[in-house]
C-alpha atoms as a PDB file:
ATOM      1  CA  MET A   1     130.600 -58.872 -37.284  1.00  0.00           C
ATOM      2  CA  VAL A   2     127.995 -56.888 -39.204  1.00  0.00           C
ATOM      3  CA  MET A   3     128.251 -56.721 -43.019  1.00  0.00           C
ATOM      4  CA  GLY A   4     131.760 -58.033 -42.720  1.00  0.00           C
ATOM      5  CA  VAL A   5     132.748 -55.414 -40.137  1.00  0.00           C
ATOM      6  CA  SER A   6     133.760 -56.474 -36.696  1.00  0.00           C
ATOM      7  CA  MET A   7     132.177 -54.299 -33.982  1.00  0.00           C
ATOM      8  CA  THR A   8     132.927 -54.026 -30.360  1.00  0.00           C
ATOM      9  CA  SER A   9     130.171 -53.821 -27.812  1.00  0.00           C
ATOM     10  CA  PRO A  10     130.081 -49.970 -27.638  1.00  0.00           C
ATOM     11  CA  ALA A  11     129.953 -49.720 -31.433  1.00  0.00           C
ATOM     12  CA  LEU A  12     127.192 -52.286 -31.620  1.00  0.00           C
ATOM     13  CA  GLY A  13     125.127 -50.365 -29.094  1.00  0.00           C
ATOM     14  CA  ARG A  14     125.430 -47.099 -31.045  1.00  0.00           C
ATOM     15  CA  TRP A  15     124.448 -48.808 -34.320  1.00  0.00           C
ATOM     16  CA  PHE A  16     121.421 -50.386 -32.650  1.00  0.00           C
ATOM     17  CA  CYS A  17     120.223 -47.039 -31.322  1.00  0.00           C
ATOM     18  CA  HIS A  18     120.561 -45.423 -34.757  1.00  0.00           C
ATOM     19  CA  ALA A  19     118.670 -48.308 -36.330  1.00  0.00           C
ATOM     20  CA  ILE A  20     115.801 -47.851 -33.903  1.00  0.00           C
ATOM     21  CA  LEU A  21     115.589 -44.120 -34.597  1.00  0.00           C
ATOM     22  CA  PHE A  22     115.681 -44.753 -38.377  1.00  0.00           C
ATOM     23  CA  THR A  23     112.895 -47.308 -38.091  1.00  0.00           C
ATOM     24  CA  ILE A  24     110.712 -44.929 -36.066  1.00  0.00           C
ATOM     25  CA  PHE A  25     111.317 -42.123 -38.582  1.00  0.00           C
ATOM     26  CA  THR A  26     110.432 -44.451 -41.481  1.00  0.00           C
ATOM     27  CA  LEU A  27     107.209 -45.561 -39.819  1.00  0.00           C
ATOM     28  CA  PHE A  28     106.276 -41.902 -39.208  1.00  0.00           C
ATOM     29  CA  LEU A  29     106.812 -41.046 -42.861  1.00  0.00           C
ATOM     30  CA  LEU A  30     104.750 -44.047 -43.915  1.00  0.00           C
ATOM     31  CA  TYR A  31     101.903 -43.059 -41.569  1.00  0.00           C
ATOM     32  CA  THR A  32     101.943 -39.494 -42.849  1.00  0.00           C
ATOM     33  CA  SER A  33     101.875 -40.628 -46.485  1.00  0.00           C
ATOM     34  CA  VAL A  34      98.888 -42.899 -45.898  1.00  0.00           C
ATOM     35  CA  ARG A  35      97.049 -40.102 -44.088  1.00  0.00           C
ATOM     36  CA  LEU A  36      97.662 -37.649 -46.879  1.00  0.00           C
ATOM     37  CA  PHE A  37      96.620 -40.188 -49.490  1.00  0.00           C
ATOM     38  CA  ASN A  38      93.263 -40.780 -47.748  1.00  0.00           C
ATOM     39  CA  GLU A  39      92.514 -37.059 -47.257  1.00  0.00           C
ATOM     40  CA  TRP A  40      93.686 -35.842 -50.667  1.00  0.00           C
ATOM     41  CA  PRO A  41      90.193 -36.143 -52.338  1.00  0.00           C
ATOM     42  CA  LEU A  42      88.685 -33.979 -49.595  1.00  0.00           C
ATOM     43  CA  VAL A  43      91.438 -31.407 -50.070  1.00  0.00           C
ATOM     44  CA  LEU A  44      90.755 -31.261 -53.801  1.00  0.00           C
ATOM     45  CA  GLN A  45      87.025 -30.905 -53.159  1.00  0.00           C
ATOM     46  CA  ALA A  46      87.605 -28.084 -50.710  1.00  0.00           C
ATOM     47  CA  GLN A  47      89.849 -26.297 -53.181  1.00  0.00           C
ATOM     48  CA  ARG A  48      87.244 -26.580 -55.921  1.00  0.00           C
ATOM     49  CA  ALA A  49      84.544 -25.294 -53.543  1.00  0.00           C
ATOM     50  CA  GLN A  50      86.739 -22.354 -52.562  1.00  0.00           C
ATOM     51  CA  GLN A  51      87.385 -21.506 -56.197  1.00  0.00           C
ATOM     52  CA  SER A  52      83.626 -21.474 -56.888  1.00  0.00           C
ATOM     53  CA  GLY A  53      82.987 -19.041 -54.027  1.00  0.00           C
ATOM     54  CA  LEU A  54      82.033 -21.507 -51.304  1.00  0.00           C
ATOM     55  CA  ARG A  55      83.829 -21.059 -48.048  1.00  0.00           C
ATOM     56  CA  GLU A  56      83.254 -24.509 -46.593  1.00  0.00           C
ATOM     57  CA  LEU A  57      81.981 -27.932 -47.471  1.00  0.00           C
ATOM     58  CA  LYS A  58      78.321 -28.637 -46.868  1.00  0.00           C
ATOM     59  CA  PRO A  59      77.883 -31.107 -44.031  1.00  0.00           C
ATOM     60  CA  PRO A  60      75.834 -34.218 -44.688  1.00  0.00           C
ATOM     61  CA  PRO A  61      72.111 -33.833 -44.036  1.00  0.00           C
ATOM     62  CA  PRO A  62      71.168 -34.568 -40.436  1.00  0.00           C
ATOM     63  CA  SER A  63      69.104 -37.537 -39.535  1.00  0.00           C
ATOM     64  CA  PRO A  64      65.354 -36.829 -39.715  1.00  0.00           C
ATOM     65  CA  VAL A  65      64.858 -38.549 -36.393  1.00  0.00           C
ATOM     66  CA  LEU A  66      67.539 -36.459 -34.750  1.00  0.00           C
ATOM     67  CA  THR A  67      66.146 -33.248 -36.273  1.00  0.00           C
ATOM     68  CA  THR A  68      62.661 -33.999 -34.999  1.00  0.00           C
ATOM     69  CA  ALA A  69      63.994 -34.789 -31.549  1.00  0.00           C
ATOM     70  CA  LEU A  70      65.963 -31.552 -31.348  1.00  0.00           C
ATOM     71  CA  LEU A  71      63.113 -29.342 -32.597  1.00  0.00           C
ATOM     72  CA  THR A  72      60.212 -30.881 -30.736  1.00  0.00           C
ATOM     73  CA  GLY A  73      61.725 -32.674 -27.753  1.00  0.00           C
ATOM     74  CA  CYS A  74      60.516 -36.052 -29.120  1.00  0.00           C
ATOM     75  CA  THR A  75      62.850 -39.003 -28.909  1.00  0.00           C
ATOM     76  CA  PRO A  76      62.580 -42.466 -30.481  1.00  0.00           C
ATOM     77  CA  GLY A  77      60.738 -44.845 -28.245  1.00  0.00           C
ATOM     78  CA  ALA A  78      58.710 -42.195 -26.472  1.00  0.00           C
ATOM     79  CA  HIS A  79      54.983 -42.801 -25.936  1.00  0.00           C
ATOM     80  CA  SER A  80      53.933 -39.656 -27.805  1.00  0.00           C
ATOM     81  CA  CYS A  81      56.097 -37.942 -30.373  1.00  0.00           C
ATOM     82  CA  THR A  82      53.590 -35.499 -31.868  1.00  0.00           C
ATOM     83  CA  PRO A  83      54.894 -31.936 -31.743  1.00  0.00           C
ATOM     84  CA  GLU A  84      52.590 -29.438 -30.062  1.00  0.00           C
ATOM     85  CA  GLU A  85      53.414 -26.775 -32.676  1.00  0.00           C
ATOM     86  CA  PRO A  86      54.414 -27.027 -36.360  1.00  0.00           C
ATOM     87  CA  LEU A  87      58.084 -27.175 -37.114  1.00  0.00           C
ATOM     88  CA  PRO A  88      59.703 -23.918 -38.255  1.00  0.00           C
ATOM     89  CA  SER A  89      60.369 -25.508 -41.643  1.00  0.00           C
ATOM     90  CA  GLN A  90      56.641 -26.290 -41.952  1.00  0.00           C
ATOM     91  CA  ILE A  91      55.534 -22.698 -41.503  1.00  0.00           C
ATOM     92  CA  GLY A  92      55.140 -21.405 -45.043  1.00  0.00           C
ATOM     93  CA  PRO A  93      55.062 -17.797 -46.184  1.00  0.00           C
ATOM     94  CA  GLU A  94      51.274 -17.886 -46.185  1.00  0.00           C
ATOM     95  CA  LEU A  95      51.304 -18.368 -42.392  1.00  0.00           C
ATOM     96  CA  LYS A  96      53.826 -15.600 -41.821  1.00  0.00           C
ATOM     97  CA  PRO A  97      52.611 -12.649 -43.892  1.00  0.00           C
ATOM     98  CA  ASN A  98      54.985  -9.738 -44.191  1.00  0.00           C
ATOM     99  CA  VAL A  99      52.580  -6.928 -43.360  1.00  0.00           C
ATOM    100  CA  VAL A 100      53.911  -3.389 -43.666  1.00  0.00           C
ATOM    101  CA  PRO A 101      51.996  -1.156 -41.251  1.00  0.00           C
ATOM    102  CA  GLU A 102      50.298   1.718 -43.043  1.00  0.00           C
ATOM    103  CA  LYS A 103      50.805   5.218 -41.813  1.00  0.00           C
ATOM    104  CA  GLU A 104      47.769   6.467 -39.951  1.00  0.00           C
ATOM    105  CA  GLU A 105      45.724   9.200 -41.559  1.00  0.00           C
ATOM    106  CA  PRO A 106      45.916  12.592 -39.822  1.00  0.00           C
ATOM    107  CA  PRO A 107      42.958  12.986 -37.417  1.00  0.00           C
ATOM    108  CA  CYS A 108      41.778  16.135 -39.194  1.00  0.00           C
ATOM    109  CA  LEU A 109      41.021  14.012 -42.302  1.00  0.00           C
ATOM    110  CA  GLY A 110      39.027  11.452 -40.318  1.00  0.00           C
ATOM    111  CA  PRO A 111      35.227  11.370 -40.131  1.00  0.00           C
ATOM    112  CA  GLN A 112      35.242  13.686 -37.108  1.00  0.00           C
ATOM    113  CA  GLY A 113      38.055  15.944 -38.329  1.00  0.00           C
ATOM    114  CA  VAL A 114      37.338  19.379 -39.715  1.00  0.00           C
ATOM    115  CA  LEU A 115      38.816  18.542 -43.124  1.00  0.00           C
ATOM    116  CA  GLY A 116      37.217  15.104 -43.184  1.00  0.00           C
ATOM    117  CA  ARG A 117      33.755  16.566 -42.567  1.00  0.00           C
ATOM    118  CA  MET A 118      34.330  18.989 -45.440  1.00  0.00           C
ATOM    119  CA  VAL A 119      35.807  16.530 -47.926  1.00  0.00           C
ATOM    120  CA  SER A 120      33.174  13.817 -47.454  1.00  0.00           C
ATOM    121  CA  PRO A 121      30.118  15.712 -48.841  1.00  0.00           C
ATOM    122  CA  PHE A 122      32.130  17.272 -51.655  1.00  0.00           C
ATOM    123  CA  LEU A 123      33.196  13.801 -52.747  1.00  0.00           C
ATOM    124  CA  ALA A 124      29.586  12.631 -52.511  1.00  0.00           C
ATOM    125  CA  CYS A 125      28.293  15.458 -54.705  1.00  0.00           C
ATOM    126  CA  MET A 126      30.157  14.150 -57.784  1.00  0.00           C
ATOM    127  CA  SER A 127      27.760  11.589 -59.226  1.00  0.00           C
ATOM    128  CA  PRO A 128      28.943   8.666 -61.366  1.00  0.00           C
ATOM    129  CA  GLU A 129      27.012  10.146 -64.294  1.00  0.00           C
ATOM    130  CA  GLY A 130      29.255  13.226 -64.318  1.00  0.00           C
ATOM    131  CA  ASP A 131      26.736  15.581 -62.706  1.00  0.00           C
ATOM    132  CA  VAL A 132      26.989  17.616 -59.491  1.00  0.00           C
ATOM    133  CA  GLU A 133      24.294  16.884 -56.919  1.00  0.00           C
ATOM    134  CA  LEU A 134      23.249  20.083 -55.174  1.00  0.00           C
ATOM    135  CA  SER A 135      22.347  18.832 -51.698  1.00  0.00           C
ATOM    136  CA  PRO A 136      25.763  17.311 -50.842  1.00  0.00           C
ATOM    137  CA  TYR A 137      27.461  20.191 -52.693  1.00  0.00           C
ATOM    138  CA  LEU A 138      25.831  22.699 -50.356  1.00  0.00           C
ATOM    139  CA  ALA A 139      26.569  20.464 -47.357  1.00  0.00           C
ATOM    140  CA  GLY A 140      30.212  20.569 -48.357  1.00  0.00           C
ATOM    141  CA  TRP A 141      30.019  24.353 -48.558  1.00  0.00           C
ATOM    142  CA  ARG A 142      28.585  24.465 -45.035  1.00  0.00           C
ATOM    143  CA  GLU A 143      31.583  22.529 -43.738  1.00  0.00           C
ATOM    144  CA  LEU A 144      33.994  24.658 -45.776  1.00  0.00           C
ATOM    145  CA  LEU A 145      32.555  27.812 -44.173  1.00  0.00           C
ATOM    146  CA  ARG A 146      32.797  26.202 -40.747  1.00  0.00           C
ATOM    147  CA  PHE A 147      36.446  25.430 -41.472  1.00  0.00           C
ATOM    148  CA  LEU A 148      37.439  28.819 -42.901  1.00  0.00           C
ATOM    149  CA  THR A 149      35.668  31.181 -40.499  1.00  0.00           C
ATOM    150  CA  PRO A 150      37.835  30.569 -37.375  1.00  0.00           C
ATOM    151  CA  LEU A 151      41.104  30.827 -39.331  1.00  0.00           C
ATOM    152  CA  SER A 152      41.048  34.608 -39.739  1.00  0.00           C
ATOM    153  CA  SER A 153      38.760  37.619 -39.744  1.00  0.00           C
ATOM    154  CA  VAL A 154      39.504  37.880 -43.469  1.00  0.00           C
ATOM    155  CA  PHE A 155      37.939  34.481 -44.047  1.00  0.00           C
ATOM    156  CA  ALA A 156      35.035  35.430 -41.797  1.00  0.00           C
ATOM    157  CA  PHE A 157      34.312  38.473 -43.983  1.00  0.00           C
ATOM    158  CA  ALA A 158      34.539  36.477 -47.190  1.00  0.00           C
ATOM    159  CA  THR A 159      32.487  33.553 -45.905  1.00  0.00           C
ATOM    160  CA  SER A 160      29.615  35.784 -44.761  1.00  0.00           C
ATOM    161  CA  GLU A 161      28.724  36.471 -48.405  1.00  0.00           C
ATOM    162  CA  ALA A 162      29.086  32.793 -49.277  1.00  0.00           C
ATOM    163  CA  PHE A 163      26.835  31.868 -46.352  1.00  0.00           C
ATOM    164  CA  ILE A 164      24.045  34.061 -47.756  1.00  0.00           C
ATOM    165  CA  LYS A 165      24.327  32.391 -51.168  1.00  0.00           C
ATOM    166  CA  VAL A 166      24.387  28.867 -49.687  1.00  0.00           C
ATOM    167  CA  THR A 167      21.250  29.636 -47.684  1.00  0.00           C
ATOM    168  CA  ALA A 168      19.472  31.048 -50.760  1.00  0.00           C
ATOM    169  CA  LEU A 169      20.274  28.009 -52.885  1.00  0.00           C
ATOM    170  CA  GLU A 170      19.261  25.620 -50.087  1.00  0.00           C
ATOM    171  CA  ALA A 171      15.860  27.289 -50.050  1.00  0.00           C
ATOM    172  CA  ARG A 172      15.403  26.197 -53.667  1.00  0.00           C
ATOM    173  CA  VAL A 173      16.775  22.699 -53.102  1.00  0.00           C
ATOM    174  CA  HIS A 174      14.270  22.129 -50.297  1.00  0.00           C
ATOM    175  CA  GLY A 175      11.480  24.361 -51.655  1.00  0.00           C
ATOM    176  CA  PRO A 176       8.300  23.606 -53.637  1.00  0.00           C
ATOM    177  CA  ASN A 177      10.291  23.046 -56.842  1.00  0.00           C
ATOM    178  CA  ALA A 178      12.838  20.761 -55.199  1.00  0.00           C
ATOM    179  CA  ALA A 179      12.377  18.122 -57.935  1.00  0.00           C
ATOM    180  CA  HIS A 180      14.077  20.508 -60.387  1.00  0.00           C
ATOM    181  CA  TYR A 181      16.993  21.272 -58.041  1.00  0.00           C
ATOM    182  CA  VAL A 182      18.416  17.813 -57.552  1.00  0.00           C
ATOM    183  CA  SER A 183      21.565  18.470 -59.567  1.00  0.00           C
ATOM    184  CA  LEU A 184      23.271  21.212 -61.510  1.00  0.00           C
ATOM    185  CA  ALA A 185      22.098  19.795 -64.829  1.00  0.00           C
ATOM    186  CA  THR A 186      18.422  19.491 -63.822  1.00  0.00           C
ATOM    187  CA  MET A 187      18.484  23.012 -62.332  1.00  0.00           C
ATOM    188  CA  ALA A 188      20.050  24.572 -65.417  1.00  0.00           C
ATOM    189  CA  MET A 189      17.612  22.928 -67.840  1.00  0.00           C
ATOM    190  CA  TRP A 190      14.533  23.751 -65.786  1.00  0.00           C
ATOM    191  CA  GLU A 191      15.472  27.394 -65.117  1.00  0.00           C
ATOM    192  CA  ARG A 192      16.198  27.926 -68.802  1.00  0.00           C
ATOM    193  CA  GLN A 193      12.855  26.407 -69.816  1.00  0.00           C
ATOM    194  CA  ALA A 194      11.046  28.421 -67.129  1.00  0.00           C
ATOM    195  CA  GLY A 195      12.692  31.696 -68.186  1.00  0.00           C
ATOM    196  CA  LEU A 196      14.380  32.223 -64.817  1.00  0.00           C
ATOM    197  CA  LEU A 197      17.900  32.847 -66.089  1.00  0.00           C
ATOM    198  CA  GLU A 198      19.251  36.424 -66.083  1.00  0.00           C
ATOM    199  CA  GLN A 199      20.529  38.072 -69.218  1.00  0.00           C
ATOM    200  CA  PRO A 200      24.346  38.105 -69.418  1.00  0.00           C
ATOM    201  CA  GLY A 201      25.780  41.297 -67.908  1.00  0.00           C
ATOM    202  CA  THR A 202      22.695  42.211 -65.890  1.00  0.00           C
ATOM    203  CA  VAL A 203      22.570  42.368 -62.097  1.00  0.00           C
ATOM    204  CA  PRO A 204      19.311  41.521 -60.318  1.00  0.00           C
ATOM    205  CA  ARG A 205      17.850  44.328 -58.222  1.00  0.00           C
ATOM    206  CA  ASP A 206      17.122  41.890 -55.436  1.00  0.00           C
ATOM    207  CA  PRO A 207      20.012  39.420 -54.896  1.00  0.00           C
ATOM    208  CA  ALA A 208      17.621  37.128 -53.050  1.00  0.00           C
ATOM    209  CA  GLY A 209      15.651  36.742 -56.284  1.00  0.00           C
ATOM    210  CA  SER A 210      18.650  35.577 -58.333  1.00  0.00           C
ATOM    211  CA  SER A 211      18.295  32.332 -60.199  1.00  0.00           C
ATOM    212  CA  GLY A 212      19.774  29.225 -58.671  1.00  0.00           C
ATOM    213  CA  SER A 213      22.190  28.962 -61.587  1.00  0.00           C
ATOM    214  CA  ARG A 214      23.577  32.462 -60.990  1.00  0.00           C
ATOM    215  CA  THR A 215      23.902  31.836 -57.260  1.00  0.00           C
ATOM    216  CA  LEU A 216      25.776  28.607 -57.930  1.00  0.00           C
ATOM    217  CA  LEU A 217      28.104  30.419 -60.341  1.00  0.00           C
ATOM    218  CA  LEU A 218      29.086  32.897 -57.611  1.00  0.00           C
ATOM    219  CA  LEU A 219      29.718  30.070 -55.162  1.00  0.00           C
ATOM    220  CA  HIS A 220      31.704  28.306 -57.855  1.00  0.00           C
ATOM    221  CA  ARG A 221      34.116  31.238 -58.176  1.00  0.00           C
ATOM    222  CA  ALA A 222      34.504  31.496 -54.415  1.00  0.00           C
ATOM    223  CA  LEU A 223      35.259  27.768 -54.289  1.00  0.00           C
ATOM    224  CA  ARG A 224      38.091  28.319 -56.767  1.00  0.00           C
ATOM    225  CA  TRP A 225      39.625  30.984 -54.547  1.00  0.00           C
ATOM    226  CA  SER A 226      39.346  28.735 -51.486  1.00  0.00           C
ATOM    227  CA  GLN A 227      40.942  25.820 -53.347  1.00  0.00           C
ATOM    228  CA  LEU A 228      43.867  27.863 -54.679  1.00  0.00           C
ATOM    229  CA  CYS A 229      44.465  29.479 -51.297  1.00  0.00           C
ATOM    230  CA  LEU A 230      44.477  26.189 -49.374  1.00  0.00           C
ATOM    231  CA  HIS A 231      46.666  24.542 -52.006  1.00  0.00           C
ATOM    232  CA  GLY A 232      49.177  27.372 -51.710  1.00  0.00           C
ATOM    233  CA  VAL A 233      49.293  27.071 -47.920  1.00  0.00           C
ATOM    234  CA  ALA A 234      49.801  23.303 -48.176  1.00  0.00           C
ATOM    235  CA  THR A 235      52.512  23.274 -50.833  1.00  0.00           C
ATOM    236  CA  GLY A 236      54.432  26.509 -50.237  1.00  0.00           C
ATOM    237  CA  THR A 237      58.183  26.105 -49.814  1.00  0.00           C
ATOM    238  CA  LEU A 238      60.205  27.207 -46.799  1.00  0.00           C
ATOM    239  CA  GLY A 239      61.466  30.717 -47.345  1.00  0.00           C
ATOM    240  CA  GLY A 240      58.974  31.296 -50.156  1.00  0.00           C
ATOM    241  CA  PRO A 241      55.940  33.584 -50.233  1.00  0.00           C
ATOM    242  CA  ASP A 242      53.850  33.418 -47.087  1.00  0.00           C
ATOM    243  CA  ALA A 243      50.181  32.438 -46.909  1.00  0.00           C
ATOM    244  CA  GLY A 244      48.931  36.011 -47.334  1.00  0.00           C
ATOM    245  CA  VAL A 245      50.848  36.478 -50.580  1.00  0.00           C
ATOM    246  CA  GLN A 246      49.711  33.137 -51.999  1.00  0.00           C
ATOM    247  CA  CYS A 247      46.063  33.663 -51.045  1.00  0.00           C
ATOM    248  CA  GLY A 248      46.297  37.159 -52.545  1.00  0.00           C
ATOM    249  CA  ALA A 249      47.501  35.628 -55.809  1.00  0.00           C
ATOM    250  CA  ALA A 250      44.591  33.186 -55.625  1.00  0.00           C
ATOM    251  CA  TYR A 251      42.193  36.096 -55.209  1.00  0.00           C
ATOM    252  CA  SER A 252      43.677  37.842 -58.257  1.00  0.00           C
ATOM    253  CA  THR A 253      43.098  34.689 -60.297  1.00  0.00           C
ATOM    254  CA  ALA A 254      39.628  33.646 -59.166  1.00  0.00           C
ATOM    255  CA  LEU A 255      37.683  36.648 -57.874  1.00  0.00           C
ATOM    256  CA  ALA A 256      39.389  39.948 -58.705  1.00  0.00           C
ATOM    257  CA  PRO A 257      38.326  39.942 -62.399  1.00  0.00           C
ATOM    258  CA  HIS A 258      34.687  40.007 -61.243  1.00  0.00           C
ATOM    259  CA  HIS A 259      35.002  42.716 -58.536  1.00  0.00           C
ATOM    260  CA  PRO A 260      35.087  46.517 -58.898  1.00  0.00           C
ATOM    261  CA  TRP A 261      38.340  48.372 -58.229  1.00  0.00           C
ATOM    262  CA  LEU A 262      37.517  49.474 -54.672  1.00  0.00           C
ATOM    263  CA  ILE A 263      36.625  45.960 -53.512  1.00  0.00           C
ATOM    264  CA  ARG A 264      39.764  44.565 -55.151  1.00  0.00           C
ATOM    265  CA  GLN A 265      42.053  46.940 -53.242  1.00  0.00           C
ATOM    266  CA  ALA A 266      40.332  46.346 -49.916  1.00  0.00           C
ATOM    267  CA  ALA A 267      40.386  42.572 -50.389  1.00  0.00           C
ATOM    268  CA  ARG A 268      44.104  42.489 -51.265  1.00  0.00           C
ATOM    269  CA  LEU A 269      45.064  44.516 -48.213  1.00  0.00           C
ATOM    270  CA  ALA A 270      42.933  42.353 -45.950  1.00  0.00           C
ATOM    271  CA  ILE A 271      44.328  39.086 -47.323  1.00  0.00           C
ATOM    272  CA  LEU A 272      47.894  40.209 -46.619  1.00  0.00           C
ATOM    273  CA  ALA A 273      46.948  40.233 -42.911  1.00  0.00           C
ATOM    274  CA  LEU A 274      46.404  36.467 -42.894  1.00  0.00           C
ATOM    275  CA  PRO A 275      48.295  34.499 -40.215  1.00  0.00           C
ATOM    276  CA  SER A 276      51.574  32.816 -41.102  1.00  0.00           C
ATOM    277  CA  ARG A 277      51.639  29.498 -42.915  1.00  0.00           C
ATOM    278  CA  SER A 278      52.709  27.570 -39.811  1.00  0.00           C
ATOM    279  CA  ARG A 279      49.883  29.109 -37.789  1.00  0.00           C
ATOM    280  CA  LEU A 280      47.295  28.248 -40.451  1.00  0.00           C
ATOM    281  CA  LEU A 281      48.578  24.662 -40.554  1.00  0.00           C
ATOM    282  CA  GLN A 282      48.259  24.413 -36.774  1.00  0.00           C
ATOM    283  CA  LEU A 283      44.668  25.635 -36.954  1.00  0.00           C
ATOM    284  CA  THR A 284      43.942  23.270 -39.849  1.00  0.00           C
ATOM    285  CA  CYS A 285      45.178  20.108 -38.114  1.00  0.00           C
ATOM    286  CA  PRO A 286      45.467  20.694 -34.362  1.00  0.00           C
ATOM    287  CA  GLY A 287      47.888  18.361 -32.610  1.00  0.00           C
ATOM    288  CA  THR A 288      49.509  17.264 -35.886  1.00  0.00           C
ATOM    289  CA  GLY A 289      53.009  17.948 -37.157  1.00  0.00           C
ATOM    290  CA  GLU A 290      53.473  20.425 -39.966  1.00  0.00           C
ATOM    291  CA  ALA A 291      54.356  17.744 -42.536  1.00  0.00           C
ATOM    292  CA  ASP A 292      51.151  15.765 -41.844  1.00  0.00           C
ATOM    293  CA  ALA A 293      49.092  18.958 -41.807  1.00  0.00           C
ATOM    294  CA  ARG A 294      50.466  19.870 -45.245  1.00  0.00           C
ATOM    295  CA  VAL A 295      49.551  16.441 -46.606  1.00  0.00           C
ATOM    296  CA  ALA A 296      46.029  16.633 -45.193  1.00  0.00           C
ATOM    297  CA  LEU A 297      45.410  20.149 -46.502  1.00  0.00           C
ATOM    298  CA  ALA A 298      46.771  19.241 -49.945  1.00  0.00           C
ATOM    299  CA  ARG A 299      44.360  16.277 -50.145  1.00  0.00           C
ATOM    300  CA  ALA A 300      41.431  18.488 -49.209  1.00  0.00           C
ATOM    301  CA  ALA A 301      42.448  21.094 -51.786  1.00  0.00           C
ATOM    302  CA  ARG A 302      42.667  18.363 -54.434  1.00  0.00           C
ATOM    303  CA  VAL A 303      39.064  17.343 -53.742  1.00  0.00           C
ATOM    304  CA  LEU A 304      37.940  20.961 -54.059  1.00  0.00           C
ATOM    305  CA  GLU A 305      39.789  21.159 -57.366  1.00  0.00           C
ATOM    306  CA  ASP A 306      37.987  18.056 -58.651  1.00  0.00           C
ATOM    307  CA  VAL A 307      34.609  19.542 -57.709  1.00  0.00           C
ATOM    308  CA  TYR A 308      35.524  22.875 -59.288  1.00  0.00           C
ATOM    309  CA  SER A 309      36.666  21.263 -62.553  1.00  0.00           C
ATOM    310  CA  ARG A 310      33.490  19.242 -62.935  1.00  0.00           C
ATOM    311  CA  THR A 311      31.288  22.233 -62.087  1.00  0.00           C
ATOM    312  CA  GLN A 312      33.200  24.413 -64.525  1.00  0.00           C
ATOM    313  CA  ASP A 313      32.599  21.938 -67.348  1.00  0.00           C
ATOM    314  CA  LEU A 314      28.893  21.675 -66.566  1.00  0.00           C
ATOM    315  CA  LEU A 315      28.407  25.455 -66.335  1.00  0.00           C
ATOM    316  CA  ALA A 316      30.194  25.857 -69.656  1.00  0.00           C
ATOM    317  CA  SER A 317      28.167  23.149 -71.377  1.00  0.00           C
ATOM    318  CA  HIS A 318      24.901  24.809 -70.259  1.00  0.00           C
ATOM    319  CA  GLY A 319      26.074  28.319 -71.201  1.00  0.00           C
ATOM    320  CA  LEU A 320      25.975  29.674 -67.631  1.00  0.00           C
ATOM    321  CA  LEU A 321      29.468  31.142 -67.169  1.00  0.00           C
ATOM    322  CA  GLN A 322      28.320  34.625 -68.279  1.00  0.00           C
ATOM    323  CA  LEU A 323      25.402  34.969 -65.894  1.00  0.00           C
ATOM    324  CA  ALA A 324      27.482  37.103 -63.507  1.00  0.00           C
END
């Protein structure tokens, strides 16, 4: 009799089986509740971390001994546990500099390049005092003539006149009065005091007897044409005016106002026969891509512009711009 109810043997067996199943189910629920109760703080922490943008909980920091053993191969109890190399965490930024490799300069701008040999003396001629030293100035002109002559027969014709003027001025720089021809300023002051300057608007009968100041003025104008022409070749846009047109415009700006009509017409026709821009860039920087050749030629033209600007200011301050 169970709870006042009489049961036969089959009924008792069924009740006993149900009781066992109920007990097992109760124990399972109890186990699950305890498990959830113990893990609930971790669940809350994970939810908070997820809400703050963290995807997972940070693991506890590893044991220093274990970290050392994994990184260096050292284990506790070993005879020697000194790492042969510093740990990655010990290598600071100062030991691992982030060096960005600089782009190499085009060879034509190097010390042995045709543009480099021209730019170097022109840079050297500009003294810290604001003067123009004649010896490096003329050396720069020598290299400029060496650069321009092979480019085209037009340049060869133009540079032949410049070569004569460079040679004449070098004779004064290295002559008996060399002490007065150190710079543009010393030359201008001495020739004015010595009465060697021409009257404005007059042309010497013998060009070889021209004053050094007048000879420099003529070179100065030719330098402006060279600078404008090279700058145009370097910076011209694709599909724009070709080199001949741009160098012709440079001639109209720098030299044409000082030439008679016949020479102006002949010069403009000859300049239009210049090679194409791409061909001039190839001759300027052999073995270099067009983009690098443009950069190199633009730098060289910028140096020529700096020399021209300083010379222009000095000639103006000494009243020499009207000598020719």
